[in-house]
């Protein structure tokens, strides 16, 4: 059942809550796909509080969080990567999945990309994350290519790069200040 969702910028003070939400989502989504050691390694890389705070101040990154009432239901991060608009992170709390949170965050990212003149949004998703791949396909993403990336620590990311072409005439979600 879809719910009312507010999308707000992530502030530096939100870093601990975002890191905690990322851990909850990753343990739920990746425990059957990645080793616990790789999950811990990647969370430490990507969700260090100082790194998150710095990303909040980076004008080339857009970090947003979704709330259902007072509940932090999910978050997303976008950036320009090699000249393309990339949805770098999209995570929805397991209790809030299939309720419109992911769709709202994807629509918001698409509107940001459109507003900056990009014709598409790309993302990377683990090839074995069937649930996420199905969700992204539902949101209009299609597999464009594969990518195998060494991330250090003896680990790699084996991903699909997916792309969603944007219709410049379709309005999307707007930031709430």
Foldseek 3Di string as FASTA:
>chain_A
DAADKAKAFDALVCLVVQLVQLLQQCCVQCVVPDPPVVSVVVSCVPRDSVVVNVQSVDPQKTKMFMDRVPRGFWIWMWGQDPNAIEGEDTTGRPVCPPHCPRLQRVLVSLQVCLVVPHFKYKYKDAPPRVVVVVVVVVSAKDFDAWDWADPDPPDIGTTTIIMHGDDSVDHGDDHDD
